[in-house]
Amino acid sequence: FFDSRNNRSLEKLNAILGCNSIDYSGRAECCGFHTAAGNETVA
């Protein structure tokens, strides 16, 4: 990837399946899983 935050594969899949894709600020951000074991508050 040139820009890993601009992946559109799931949006392309949505179009094939008939869904409307919703854009929002967290779509390519971290879920916090790897911090949750030590501190769930962060996630």
Full PDB file with SEQRES, HELIX, SHEET, SSBOND, CRYST1, ORIGX, SCALE, CONECT and MASTER records, all heavy atoms in Angstrom:
SEQRES   1 A   43  PHE PHE ASP SER ARG ASN ASN ARG SER LEU GLU LYS LEU          
SEQRES   2 A   43  ASN ALA ILE LEU GLY CYS ASN SER ILE ASP TYR SER GLY          
SEQRES   3 A   43  ARG ALA GLU CYS CYS GLY PHE HIS THR ALA ALA GLY ASN          
SEQRES   4 A   43  GLU THR VAL ALA                                              
HELIX    1 AA1 SER A    4  ASN A    6  5                                   3    
HELIX    2 AA2 SER A    9  LEU A   17  1                                   9    
HELIX    3 AA3 PHE A   33  ALA A   36  1                                   4    
CRYST1    1.000    1.000    1.000  90.00  90.00  90.00 P 1           1          
ORIGX1      1.000000  0.000000  0.000000        0.00000                         
ORIGX2      0.000000  1.000000  0.000000        0.00000                         
ORIGX3      0.000000  0.000000  1.000000        0.00000                         
SCALE1      1.000000  0.000000  0.000000        0.00000                         
SCALE2      0.000000  1.000000  0.000000        0.00000                         
SCALE3      0.000000  0.000000  1.000000        0.00000                         
ATOM      1  N   PHE A   1       0.834  -1.194   0.000  1.00  0.00           N  
ATOM      2  CA  PHE A   1       0.000   0.000   0.000  1.00  0.00           C  
ATOM      3  C   PHE A   1       0.872   1.248   0.000  1.00  0.00           C  
ATOM      4  O   PHE A   1       1.887   1.319   0.689  1.00  0.00           O  
ATOM      5  CB  PHE A   1      -0.893   0.055   1.243  1.00  0.00           C  
ATOM      6  CG  PHE A   1      -1.886  -1.059   1.345  1.00  0.00           C  
ATOM      7  CD1 PHE A   1      -2.098  -1.692   2.554  1.00  0.00           C  
ATOM      8  CD2 PHE A   1      -2.605  -1.478   0.243  1.00  0.00           C  
ATOM      9  CE1 PHE A   1      -3.019  -2.721   2.675  1.00  0.00           C  
ATOM     10  CE2 PHE A   1      -3.515  -2.500   0.344  1.00  0.00           C  
ATOM     11  CZ  PHE A   1      -3.726  -3.124   1.555  1.00  0.00           C  
ATOM     12  N   PHE A   2       0.413   2.246  -0.734  1.00  0.00           N  
ATOM     13  CA  PHE A   2       1.045   3.561  -0.642  1.00  0.00           C  
ATOM     14  C   PHE A   2       0.544   4.260   0.616  1.00  0.00           C  
ATOM     15  O   PHE A   2       1.284   4.889   1.345  1.00  0.00           O  
ATOM     16  CB  PHE A   2       0.735   4.406  -1.882  1.00  0.00           C  
ATOM     17  CG  PHE A   2       1.243   5.819  -1.781  1.00  0.00           C  
ATOM     18  CD1 PHE A   2       2.602   6.078  -1.874  1.00  0.00           C  
ATOM     19  CD2 PHE A   2       0.377   6.879  -1.581  1.00  0.00           C  
ATOM     20  CE1 PHE A   2       3.082   7.376  -1.770  1.00  0.00           C  
ATOM     21  CE2 PHE A   2       0.850   8.177  -1.483  1.00  0.00           C  
ATOM     22  CZ  PHE A   2       2.209   8.419  -1.577  1.00  0.00           C  
ATOM     23  N   ASP A   3      -0.762   4.134   0.858  1.00  0.00           N  
ATOM     24  CA  ASP A   3      -1.385   4.734   2.032  1.00  0.00           C  
ATOM     25  C   ASP A   3      -2.265   3.681   2.688  1.00  0.00           C  
ATOM     26  O   ASP A   3      -3.356   3.392   2.218  1.00  0.00           O  
ATOM     27  CB  ASP A   3      -2.224   5.955   1.622  1.00  0.00           C  
ATOM     28  CG  ASP A   3      -2.926   6.608   2.801  1.00  0.00           C  
ATOM     29  OD1 ASP A   3      -2.733   6.141   3.937  1.00  0.00           O  
ATOM     30  OD2 ASP A   3      -3.671   7.578   2.597  1.00  0.00           O  
ATOM     31  N   SER A   4      -1.793   3.094   3.788  1.00  0.00           N  
ATOM     32  CA  SER A   4      -2.512   1.986   4.400  1.00  0.00           C  
ATOM     33  C   SER A   4      -3.856   2.397   4.980  1.00  0.00           C  
ATOM     34  O   SER A   4      -4.713   1.562   5.236  1.00  0.00           O  
ATOM     35  CB  SER A   4      -1.659   1.348   5.501  1.00  0.00           C  
ATOM     36  OG  SER A   4      -1.403   2.278   6.537  1.00  0.00           O  
ATOM     37  N   ARG A   5      -4.059   3.697   5.197  1.00  0.00           N  
ATOM     38  CA  ARG A   5      -5.340   4.154   5.727  1.00  0.00           C  
ATOM     39  C   ARG A   5      -6.359   4.414   4.618  1.00  0.00           C  
ATOM     40  O   ARG A   5      -7.474   4.862   4.884  1.00  0.00           O  
ATOM     41  CB  ARG A   5      -5.148   5.410   6.579  1.00  0.00           C  
ATOM     42  CG  ARG A   5      -4.546   5.109   7.943  1.00  0.00           C  
ATOM     43  CD  ARG A   5      -4.390   6.377   8.779  1.00  0.00           C  
ATOM     44  NE  ARG A   5      -4.140   6.072  10.170  1.00  0.00           N  
ATOM     45  CZ  ARG A   5      -2.957   5.726  10.671  1.00  0.00           C  
ATOM     46  NH1 ARG A   5      -1.921   5.622   9.873  1.00  0.00           N  
ATOM     47  NH2 ARG A   5      -2.813   5.470  11.950  1.00  0.00           N  
ATOM     48  N   ASN A   6      -5.991   4.140   3.383  1.00  0.00           N  
ATOM     49  CA  ASN A   6      -6.908   4.387   2.269  1.00  0.00           C  
ATOM     50  C   ASN A   6      -7.318   3.091   1.583  1.00  0.00           C  
ATOM     51  O   ASN A   6      -7.659   3.078   0.403  1.00  0.00           O  
ATOM     52  CB  ASN A   6      -6.268   5.339   1.252  1.00  0.00           C  
ATOM     53  CG  ASN A   6      -7.315   5.962   0.343  1.00  0.00           C  
ATOM     54  OD1 ASN A   6      -8.455   6.208   0.751  1.00  0.00           O  
ATOM     55  ND2 ASN A   6      -6.939   6.218  -0.897  1.00  0.00           N  
ATOM     56  N   ASN A   7      -7.275   1.993   2.315  1.00  0.00           N  
ATOM     57  CA  ASN A   7      -7.737   0.707   1.781  1.00  0.00           C  
ATOM     58  C   ASN A   7      -9.237   0.780   1.514  1.00  0.00           C  
ATOM     59  O   ASN A   7     -10.004   1.251   2.352  1.00  0.00           O  
ATOM     60  CB  ASN A   7      -7.440  -0.398   2.803  1.00  0.00           C  
ATOM     61  CG  ASN A   7      -7.615  -1.792   2.226  1.00  0.00           C  
ATOM     62  OD1 ASN A   7      -8.538  -2.047   1.472  1.00  0.00           O  
ATOM     63  ND2 ASN A   7      -6.735  -2.694   2.597  1.00  0.00           N  
ATOM     64  N   ARG A   8      -9.677   0.292   0.362  1.00  0.00           N  
ATOM     65  CA  ARG A   8     -11.110   0.362   0.020  1.00  0.00           C  
ATOM     66  C   ARG A   8     -11.680  -1.012  -0.303  1.00  0.00           C  
ATOM     67  O   ARG A   8     -12.777  -1.116  -0.859  1.00  0.00           O  
ATOM     68  CB  ARG A   8     -11.318   1.278  -1.206  1.00  0.00           C  
ATOM     69  CG  ARG A   8     -10.742   2.669  -1.099  1.00  0.00           C  
ATOM     70  CD  ARG A   8     -11.326   3.470   0.025  1.00  0.00           C  
ATOM     71  NE  ARG A   8     -12.758   3.706  -0.113  1.00  0.00           N  
ATOM     72  CZ  ARG A   8     -13.466   4.417   0.762  1.00  0.00           C  
ATOM     73  NH1 ARG A   8     -12.888   4.934   1.827  1.00  0.00           N  
ATOM     74  NH2 ARG A   8     -14.765   4.579   0.576  1.00  0.00           N  
ATOM     75  N   SER A   9     -10.985  -2.095   0.063  1.00  0.00           N  
ATOM     76  CA  SER A   9     -11.444  -3.432  -0.336  1.00  0.00           C  
ATOM     77  C   SER A   9     -12.783  -3.798   0.300  1.00  0.00           C  
ATOM     78  O   SER A   9     -13.640  -4.407  -0.358  1.00  0.00           O  
ATOM     79  CB  SER A   9     -10.388  -4.487  -0.007  1.00  0.00           C  
ATOM     80  OG  SER A   9      -9.995  -4.417   1.347  1.00  0.00           O  
ATOM     81  N   LEU A  10     -13.000  -3.465   1.572  1.00  0.00           N  
ATOM     82  CA  LEU A  10     -14.280  -3.773   2.196  1.00  0.00           C  
ATOM     83  C   LEU A  10     -15.411  -2.944   1.584  1.00  0.00           C  
ATOM     84  O   LEU A  10     -16.537  -3.427   1.443  1.00  0.00           O  
ATOM     85  CB  LEU A  10     -14.209  -3.549   3.707  1.00  0.00           C  
ATOM     86  CG  LEU A  10     -13.411  -4.589   4.497  1.00  0.00           C  
ATOM     87  CD1 LEU A  10     -13.238  -4.159   5.946  1.00  0.00           C  
ATOM     88  CD2 LEU A  10     -14.064  -5.963   4.423  1.00  0.00           C  
ATOM     89  N   GLU A  11     -15.105  -1.726   1.213  1.00  0.00           N  
ATOM     90  CA  GLU A  11     -16.119  -0.900   0.545  1.00  0.00           C  
ATOM     91  C   GLU A  11     -16.462  -1.461  -0.833  1.00  0.00           C  
ATOM     92  O   GLU A  11     -17.630  -1.451  -1.243  1.00  0.00           O  
ATOM     93  CB  GLU A  11     -15.627   0.554   0.434  1.00  0.00           C  
ATOM     94  CG  GLU A  11     -15.682   1.342   1.718  1.00  0.00           C  
ATOM     95  CD  GLU A  11     -14.512   1.093   2.669  1.00  0.00           C  
ATOM     96  OE1 GLU A  11     -13.612   0.306   2.307  1.00  0.00           O  
ATOM     97  OE2 GLU A  11     -14.489   1.683   3.756  1.00  0.00           O  
ATOM     98  N   LYS A  12     -15.458  -1.981  -1.537  1.00  0.00           N  
ATOM     99  CA  LYS A  12     -15.727  -2.635  -2.830  1.00  0.00           C  
ATOM    100  C   LYS A  12     -16.592  -3.874  -2.633  1.00  0.00           C  
ATOM    101  O   LYS A  12     -17.501  -4.145  -3.421  1.00  0.00           O  
ATOM    102  CB  LYS A  12     -14.403  -3.027  -3.506  1.00  0.00           C  
ATOM    103  CG  LYS A  12     -13.619  -1.862  -4.090  1.00  0.00           C  
ATOM    104  CD  LYS A  12     -12.258  -2.310  -4.590  1.00  0.00           C  
ATOM    105  CE  LYS A  12     -12.367  -3.304  -5.733  1.00  0.00           C  
ATOM    106  NZ  LYS A  12     -11.040  -3.691  -6.253  1.00  0.00           N  
ATOM    107  N   LEU A  13     -16.315  -4.605  -1.562  1.00  0.00           N  
ATOM    108  CA  LEU A  13     -17.113  -5.787  -1.266  1.00  0.00           C  
ATOM    109  C   LEU A  13     -18.551  -5.393  -0.938  1.00  0.00           C  
ATOM    110  O   LEU A  13     -19.503  -6.037  -1.392  1.00  0.00           O  
ATOM    111  CB  LEU A  13     -16.501  -6.558  -0.099  1.00  0.00           C  
ATOM    112  CG  LEU A  13     -17.233  -7.833   0.321  1.00  0.00           C  
ATOM    113  CD1 LEU A  13     -17.208  -8.864  -0.803  1.00  0.00           C  
ATOM    114  CD2 LEU A  13     -16.629  -8.408   1.590  1.00  0.00           C  
ATOM    115  N   ASN A  14     -18.726  -4.342  -0.153  1.00  0.00           N  
ATOM    116  CA  ASN A  14     -20.070  -3.854   0.150  1.00  0.00           C  
ATOM    117  C   ASN A  14     -20.861  -3.596  -1.122  1.00  0.00           C  
ATOM    118  O   ASN A  14     -22.043  -3.944  -1.225  1.00  0.00           O  
ATOM    119  CB  ASN A  14     -19.994  -2.572   0.978  1.00  0.00           C  
ATOM    120  CG  ASN A  14     -19.735  -2.809   2.454  1.00  0.00           C  
ATOM    121  OD1 ASN A  14     -19.880  -3.930   2.930  1.00  0.00           O  
ATOM    122  ND2 ASN A  14     -19.359  -1.769   3.168  1.00  0.00           N  
ATOM    123  N   ALA A  15     -20.219  -2.968  -2.094  1.00  0.00           N  
ATOM    124  CA  ALA A  15     -20.905  -2.646  -3.349  1.00  0.00           C  
ATOM    125  C   ALA A  15     -21.339  -3.917  -4.076  1.00  0.00           C  
ATOM    126  O   ALA A  15     -22.434  -3.976  -4.644  1.00  0.00           O  
ATOM    127  CB  ALA A  15     -19.988  -1.810  -4.241  1.00  0.00           C  
ATOM    128  N   ILE A  16     -20.496  -4.951  -4.064  1.00  0.00           N  
ATOM    129  CA  ILE A  16     -20.840  -6.223  -4.702  1.00  0.00           C  
ATOM    130  C   ILE A  16     -22.038  -6.867  -4.012  1.00  0.00           C  
ATOM    131  O   ILE A  16     -22.933  -7.418  -4.658  1.00  0.00           O  
ATOM    132  CB  ILE A  16     -19.629  -7.178  -4.675  1.00  0.00           C  
ATOM    133  CG1 ILE A  16     -18.502  -6.638  -5.562  1.00  0.00           C  
ATOM    134  CG2 ILE A  16     -20.028  -8.586  -5.121  1.00  0.00           C  
ATOM    135  CD1 ILE A  16     -17.185  -7.378  -5.395  1.00  0.00           C  
ATOM    136  N   LEU A  17     -22.070  -6.772  -2.690  1.00  0.00           N  
ATOM    137  CA  LEU A  17     -23.129  -7.417  -1.906  1.00  0.00           C  
ATOM    138  C   LEU A  17     -24.396  -6.581  -1.835  1.00  0.00           C  
ATOM    139  O   LEU A  17     -25.435  -7.067  -1.385  1.00  0.00           O  
ATOM    140  CB  LEU A  17     -22.625  -7.714  -0.488  1.00  0.00           C  
ATOM    141  CG  LEU A  17     -21.338  -8.548  -0.373  1.00  0.00           C  
ATOM    142  CD1 LEU A  17     -20.994  -8.786   1.091  1.00  0.00           C  
ATOM    143  CD2 LEU A  17     -21.461  -9.867  -1.130  1.00  0.00           C  
ATOM    144  N   GLY A  18     -24.316  -5.317  -2.264  1.00  0.00           N  
ATOM    145  CA  GLY A  18     -25.490  -4.453  -2.275  1.00  0.00           C  
ATOM    146  C   GLY A  18     -25.571  -3.477  -1.129  1.00  0.00           C  
ATOM    147  O   GLY A  18     -26.524  -2.685  -1.038  1.00  0.00           O  
ATOM    148  N   CYS A  19     -24.608  -3.506  -0.196  1.00  0.00           N  
ATOM    149  CA  CYS A  19     -24.632  -2.603   0.959  1.00  0.00           C  
ATOM    150  C   CYS A  19     -24.217  -1.187   0.572  1.00  0.00           C  
ATOM    151  O   CYS A  19     -23.495  -0.983  -0.407  1.00  0.00           O  
ATOM    152  CB  CYS A  19     -23.655  -3.081   2.037  1.00  0.00           C  
ATOM    153  SG  CYS A  19     -23.810  -4.790   2.525  1.00  0.00           S  
ATOM    154  N   ASN A  20     -24.653  -0.241   1.367  1.00  0.00           N  
ATOM    155  CA  ASN A  20     -24.144   1.127   1.285  1.00  0.00           C  
ATOM    156  C   ASN A  20     -22.960   1.242   2.237  1.00  0.00           C  
ATOM    157  O   ASN A  20     -23.055   0.829   3.399  1.00  0.00           O  
ATOM    158  CB  ASN A  20     -25.213   2.138   1.695  1.00  0.00           C  
ATOM    159  CG  ASN A  20     -26.442   2.073   0.819  1.00  0.00           C  
ATOM    160  OD1 ASN A  20     -26.339   1.942  -0.386  1.00  0.00           O  
ATOM    161  ND2 ASN A  20     -27.615   2.154   1.437  1.00  0.00           N  
ATOM    162  N   SER A  21     -21.844   1.784   1.768  1.00  0.00           N  
ATOM    163  CA  SER A  21     -20.671   1.951   2.628  1.00  0.00           C  
ATOM    164  C   SER A  21     -20.727   3.288   3.347  1.00  0.00           C  
ATOM    165  O   SER A  21     -20.947   4.325   2.724  1.00  0.00           O  
ATOM    166  CB  SER A  21     -19.383   1.866   1.800  1.00  0.00           C  
ATOM    167  OG  SER A  21     -19.145   0.547   1.358  1.00  0.00           O  
ATOM    168  N   ILE A  22     -20.527   3.250   4.655  1.00  0.00           N  
ATOM    169  CA  ILE A  22     -20.529   4.455   5.481  1.00  0.00           C  
ATOM    170  C   ILE A  22     -19.090   4.823   5.820  1.00  0.00           C  
ATOM    171  O   ILE A  22     -18.346   3.999   6.367  1.00  0.00           O  
ATOM    172  CB  ILE A  22     -21.335   4.233   6.776  1.00  0.00           C  
ATOM    173  CG1 ILE A  22     -22.776   3.866   6.454  1.00  0.00           C  
ATOM    174  CG2 ILE A  22     -21.264   5.469   7.668  1.00  0.00           C  
ATOM    175  CD1 ILE A  22     -23.553   4.909   5.679  1.00  0.00           C  
ATOM    176  N   ASP A  23     -18.704   6.040   5.504  1.00  0.00           N  
ATOM    177  CA  ASP A  23     -17.367   6.509   5.839  1.00  0.00           C  
ATOM    178  C   ASP A  23     -17.400   7.151   7.224  1.00  0.00           C  
ATOM    179  O   ASP A  23     -18.379   7.792   7.593  1.00  0.00           O  
ATOM    180  CB  ASP A  23     -16.886   7.519   4.799  1.00  0.00           C  
ATOM    181  CG  ASP A  23     -15.380   7.717   4.846  1.00  0.00           C  
ATOM    182  OD1 ASP A  23     -14.696   6.934   5.554  1.00  0.00           O  
ATOM    183  OD2 ASP A  23     -14.884   8.654   4.204  1.00  0.00           O  
ATOM    184  N   TYR A  24     -16.346   6.955   7.980  1.00  0.00           N  
ATOM    185  CA  TYR A  24     -16.250   7.566   9.306  1.00  0.00           C  
ATOM    186  C   TYR A  24     -14.794   7.603   9.716  1.00  0.00           C  
ATOM    187  O   TYR A  24     -13.942   6.959   9.087  1.00  0.00           O  
ATOM    188  CB  TYR A  24     -17.106   6.798  10.322  1.00  0.00           C  
ATOM    189  CG  TYR A  24     -16.607   5.405  10.631  1.00  0.00           C  
ATOM    190  CD1 TYR A  24     -15.932   5.134  11.811  1.00  0.00           C  
ATOM    191  CD2 TYR A  24     -16.791   4.355   9.731  1.00  0.00           C  
ATOM    192  CE1 TYR A  24     -15.462   3.862  12.093  1.00  0.00           C  
ATOM    193  CE2 TYR A  24     -16.325   3.080  10.008  1.00  0.00           C  
ATOM    194  CZ  TYR A  24     -15.659   2.842  11.184  1.00  0.00           C  
ATOM    195  OH  TYR A  24     -15.180   1.588  11.459  1.00  0.00           O  
ATOM    196  N   SER A  25     -14.477   8.318  10.777  1.00  0.00           N  
ATOM    197  CA  SER A  25     -13.084   8.627  11.089  1.00  0.00           C  
ATOM    198  C   SER A  25     -12.271   7.428  11.569  1.00  0.00           C  
ATOM    199  O   SER A  25     -11.048   7.433  11.452  1.00  0.00           O  
ATOM    200  CB  SER A  25     -13.014   9.728  12.152  1.00  0.00           C  
ATOM    201  OG  SER A  25     -13.632   9.308  13.354  1.00  0.00           O  
ATOM    202  N   GLY A  26     -12.908   6.380  12.122  1.00  0.00           N  
ATOM    203  CA  GLY A  26     -12.136   5.299  12.714  1.00  0.00           C  
ATOM    204  C   GLY A  26     -11.972   4.063  11.868  1.00  0.00           C  
ATOM    205  O   GLY A  26     -11.471   3.043  12.361  1.00  0.00           O  
ATOM    206  N   ARG A  27     -12.356   4.104  10.607  1.00  0.00           N  
ATOM    207  CA  ARG A  27     -12.441   2.895   9.789  1.00  0.00           C  
ATOM    208  C   ARG A  27     -11.103   2.155   9.629  1.00  0.00           C  
ATOM    209  O   ARG A  27     -11.090   0.937   9.447  1.00  0.00           O  
ATOM    210  CB  ARG A  27     -13.022   3.216   8.405  1.00  0.00           C  
ATOM    211  CG  ARG A  27     -12.259   4.274   7.645  1.00  0.00           C  
ATOM    212  CD  ARG A  27     -12.910   4.629   6.315  1.00  0.00           C  
ATOM    213  NE  ARG A  27     -12.721   3.586   5.345  1.00  0.00           N  
ATOM    214  CZ  ARG A  27     -11.586   3.408   4.670  1.00  0.00           C  
ATOM    215  NH1 ARG A  27     -10.539   4.194   4.896  1.00  0.00           N  
ATOM    216  NH2 ARG A  27     -11.498   2.448   3.785  1.00  0.00           N  
ATOM    217  N   ALA A  28     -10.004   2.859   9.682  1.00  0.00           N  
ATOM    218  CA  ALA A  28      -8.693   2.216   9.502  1.00  0.00           C  
ATOM    219  C   ALA A  28      -7.793   2.417  10.718  1.00  0.00           C  
ATOM    220  O   ALA A  28      -6.579   2.342  10.609  1.00  0.00           O  
ATOM    221  CB  ALA A  28      -8.009   2.755   8.248  1.00  0.00           C  
ATOM    222  N   GLU A  29      -8.409   2.642  11.870  1.00  0.00           N  
ATOM    223  CA  GLU A  29      -7.632   2.870  13.077  1.00  0.00           C  
ATOM    224  C   GLU A  29      -7.530   1.599  13.926  1.00  0.00           C  
ATOM    225  O   GLU A  29      -8.090   0.562  13.591  1.00  0.00           O  
ATOM    226  CB  GLU A  29      -8.259   4.016  13.888  1.00  0.00           C  
ATOM    227  CG  GLU A  29      -8.334   5.337  13.129  1.00  0.00           C  
ATOM    228  CD  GLU A  29      -6.976   5.817  12.639  1.00  0.00           C  
ATOM    229  OE1 GLU A  29      -5.964   5.573  13.339  1.00  0.00           O  
ATOM    230  OE2 GLU A  29      -6.914   6.421  11.562  1.00  0.00           O  
ATOM    231  N   CYS A  30      -6.819   1.702  15.046  1.00  0.00           N  
ATOM    232  CA  CYS A  30      -6.567   0.561  15.924  1.00  0.00           C  
ATOM    233  C   CYS A  30      -7.789   0.267  16.786  1.00  0.00           C  
ATOM    234  O   CYS A  30      -8.509   1.178  17.196  1.00  0.00           O  
ATOM    235  CB  CYS A  30      -5.365   0.884  16.804  1.00  0.00           C  
ATOM    236  SG  CYS A  30      -4.942  -0.408  17.989  1.00  0.00           S  
ATOM    237  N   CYS A  31      -8.010  -1.017  17.085  1.00  0.00           N  
ATOM    238  CA  CYS A  31      -9.109  -1.409  17.974  1.00  0.00           C  
ATOM    239  C   CYS A  31      -8.676  -1.436  19.435  1.00  0.00           C  
ATOM    240  O   CYS A  31      -9.520  -1.541  20.327  1.00  0.00           O  
ATOM    241  CB  CYS A  31      -9.659  -2.782  17.584  1.00  0.00           C  
ATOM    242  SG  CYS A  31      -8.573  -4.169  18.063  1.00  0.00           S  
ATOM    243  N   GLY A  32      -7.393  -1.379  19.693  1.00  0.00           N  
ATOM    244  CA  GLY A  32      -6.904  -1.379  21.067  1.00  0.00           C  
ATOM    245  C   GLY A  32      -6.814  -2.748  21.718  1.00  0.00           C  
ATOM    246  O   GLY A  32      -6.541  -2.839  22.915  1.00  0.00           O  
ATOM    247  N   PHE A  33      -7.015  -3.821  20.953  1.00  0.00           N  
ATOM    248  CA  PHE A  33      -7.025  -5.167  21.545  1.00  0.00           C  
ATOM    249  C   PHE A  33      -5.752  -5.459  22.326  1.00  0.00           C  
ATOM    250  O   PHE A  33      -5.796  -6.021  23.426  1.00  0.00           O  
ATOM    251  CB  PHE A  33      -7.221  -6.229  20.455  1.00  0.00           C  
ATOM    252  CG  PHE A  33      -7.200  -7.638  20.981  1.00  0.00           C  
ATOM    253  CD1 PHE A  33      -8.369  -8.245  21.419  1.00  0.00           C  
ATOM    254  CD2 PHE A  33      -6.016  -8.372  21.049  1.00  0.00           C  
ATOM    255  CE1 PHE A  33      -8.355  -9.550  21.921  1.00  0.00           C  
ATOM    256  CE2 PHE A  33      -6.001  -9.663  21.544  1.00  0.00           C  
ATOM    257  CZ  PHE A  33      -7.170 -10.252  21.979  1.00  0.00           C  
ATOM    258  N   HIS A  34      -4.618  -5.102  21.765  1.00  0.00           N  
ATOM    259  CA  HIS A  34      -3.350  -5.487  22.382  1.00  0.00           C  
ATOM    260  C   HIS A  34      -3.017  -4.649  23.604  1.00  0.00           C  
ATOM    261  O   HIS A  34      -2.039  -4.935  24.301  1.00  0.00           O  
ATOM    262  CB  HIS A  34      -2.229  -5.435  21.347  1.00  0.00           C  
ATOM    263  CG  HIS A  34      -2.392  -6.459  20.262  1.00  0.00           C  
ATOM    264  ND1 HIS A  34      -2.051  -7.772  20.433  1.00  0.00           N  
ATOM    265  CD2 HIS A  34      -2.917  -6.369  19.015  1.00  0.00           C  
ATOM    266  CE1 HIS A  34      -2.329  -8.459  19.335  1.00  0.00           C  
ATOM    267  NE2 HIS A  34      -2.855  -7.628  18.472  1.00  0.00           N  
ATOM    268  N   THR A  35      -3.807  -3.632  23.871  1.00  0.00           N  
ATOM    269  CA  THR A  35      -3.657  -2.886  25.127  1.00  0.00           C  
ATOM    270  C   THR A  35      -4.666  -3.358  26.164  1.00  0.00           C  
ATOM    271  O   THR A  35      -4.493  -3.116  27.362  1.00  0.00           O  
ATOM    272  CB  THR A  35      -3.865  -1.375  24.908  1.00  0.00           C  
ATOM    273  OG1 THR A  35      -5.244  -1.117  24.620  1.00  0.00           O  
ATOM    274  CG2 THR A  35      -3.001  -0.859  23.780  1.00  0.00           C  
ATOM    275  N   ALA A  36      -5.734  -4.036  25.710  1.00  0.00           N  
ATOM    276  CA  ALA A  36      -6.853  -4.360  26.593  1.00  0.00           C  
ATOM    277  C   ALA A  36      -6.457  -5.316  27.716  1.00  0.00           C  
ATOM    278  O   ALA A  36      -7.003  -5.238  28.823  1.00  0.00           O  
ATOM    279  CB  ALA A  36      -8.011  -4.945  25.792  1.00  0.00           C  
ATOM    280  N   ALA A  37      -5.517  -6.217  27.461  1.00  0.00           N  
ATOM    281  CA  ALA A  37      -5.103  -7.165  28.496  1.00  0.00           C  
ATOM    282  C   ALA A  37      -4.506  -6.441  29.690  1.00  0.00           C  
ATOM    283  O   ALA A  37      -4.681  -6.856  30.838  1.00  0.00           O  
ATOM    284  CB  ALA A  37      -4.096  -8.160  27.926  1.00  0.00           C  
ATOM    285  N   GLY A  38      -3.820  -5.328  29.421  1.00  0.00           N  
ATOM    286  CA  GLY A  38      -3.220  -4.568  30.501  1.00  0.00           C  
ATOM    287  C   GLY A  38      -4.092  -3.438  31.011  1.00  0.00           C  
ATOM    288  O   GLY A  38      -4.053  -3.103  32.190  1.00  0.00           O  
ATOM    289  N   ASN A  39      -4.888  -2.865  30.101  1.00  0.00           N  
ATOM    290  CA  ASN A  39      -5.714  -1.719  30.485  1.00  0.00           C  
ATOM    291  C   ASN A  39      -6.885  -1.586  29.510  1.00  0.00           C  
ATOM    292  O   ASN A  39      -6.742  -0.990  28.446  1.00  0.00           O  
ATOM    293  CB  ASN A  39      -4.873  -0.444  30.499  1.00  0.00           C  
ATOM    294  CG  ASN A  39      -5.637   0.743  31.057  1.00  0.00           C  
ATOM    295  OD1 ASN A  39      -6.834   0.670  31.298  1.00  0.00           O  
ATOM    296  ND2 ASN A  39      -4.937   1.855  31.263  1.00  0.00           N  
ATOM    297  N   GLU A  40      -8.030  -2.134  29.880  1.00  0.00           N  
ATOM    298  CA  GLU A  40      -9.209  -2.076  29.010  1.00  0.00           C  
ATOM    299  C   GLU A  40      -9.672  -0.651  28.758  1.00  0.00           C  
ATOM    300  O   GLU A  40     -10.306  -0.373  27.742  1.00  0.00           O  
ATOM    301  CB  GLU A  40     -10.356  -2.887  29.611  1.00  0.00           C  
ATOM    302  CG  GLU A  40     -10.213  -4.388  29.477  1.00  0.00           C  
ATOM    303  CD  GLU A  40     -11.453  -5.136  29.926  1.00  0.00           C  
ATOM    304  OE1 GLU A  40     -12.396  -4.475  30.424  1.00  0.00           O  
ATOM    305  OE2 GLU A  40     -11.494  -6.373  29.764  1.00  0.00           O  
ATOM    306  N   THR A  41      -9.350   0.243  29.671  1.00  0.00           N  
ATOM    307  CA  THR A  41      -9.819   1.622  29.546  1.00  0.00           C  
ATOM    308  C   THR A  41      -9.358   2.259  28.243  1.00  0.00           C  
ATOM    309  O   THR A  41     -10.096   3.014  27.604  1.00  0.00           O  
ATOM    310  CB  THR A  41      -9.325   2.461  30.739  1.00  0.00           C  
ATOM    311  OG1 THR A  41      -9.785   1.863  31.947  1.00  0.00           O  
ATOM    312  CG2 THR A  41      -9.846   3.897  30.657  1.00  0.00           C  
ATOM    313  N   VAL A  42      -8.131   1.947  27.836  1.00  0.00           N  
ATOM    314  CA  VAL A  42      -7.597   2.517  26.596  1.00  0.00           C  
ATOM    315  C   VAL A  42      -8.457   2.097  25.407  1.00  0.00           C  
ATOM    316  O   VAL A  42      -8.863   2.919  24.584  1.00  0.00           O  
ATOM    317  CB  VAL A  42      -6.131   2.092  26.381  1.00  0.00           C  
ATOM    318  CG1 VAL A  42      -5.626   2.582  25.024  1.00  0.00           C  
ATOM    319  CG2 VAL A  42      -5.251   2.623  27.495  1.00  0.00           C  
ATOM    320  N   ALA A  43      -8.744   0.785  25.313  1.00  0.00           N  
ATOM    321  CA  ALA A  43      -9.553   0.273  24.206  1.00  0.00           C  
ATOM    322  C   ALA A  43     -10.970   0.835  24.259  1.00  0.00           C  
ATOM    323  O   ALA A  43     -11.550   1.196  23.226  1.00  0.00           O  
ATOM    324  CB  ALA A  43      -9.586  -1.253  24.237  1.00  0.00           C  
TER     325      ALA A  43                                                      
MASTER        0    0    0    3    0    0    0    6  324    1    0    4          
END                                                                             
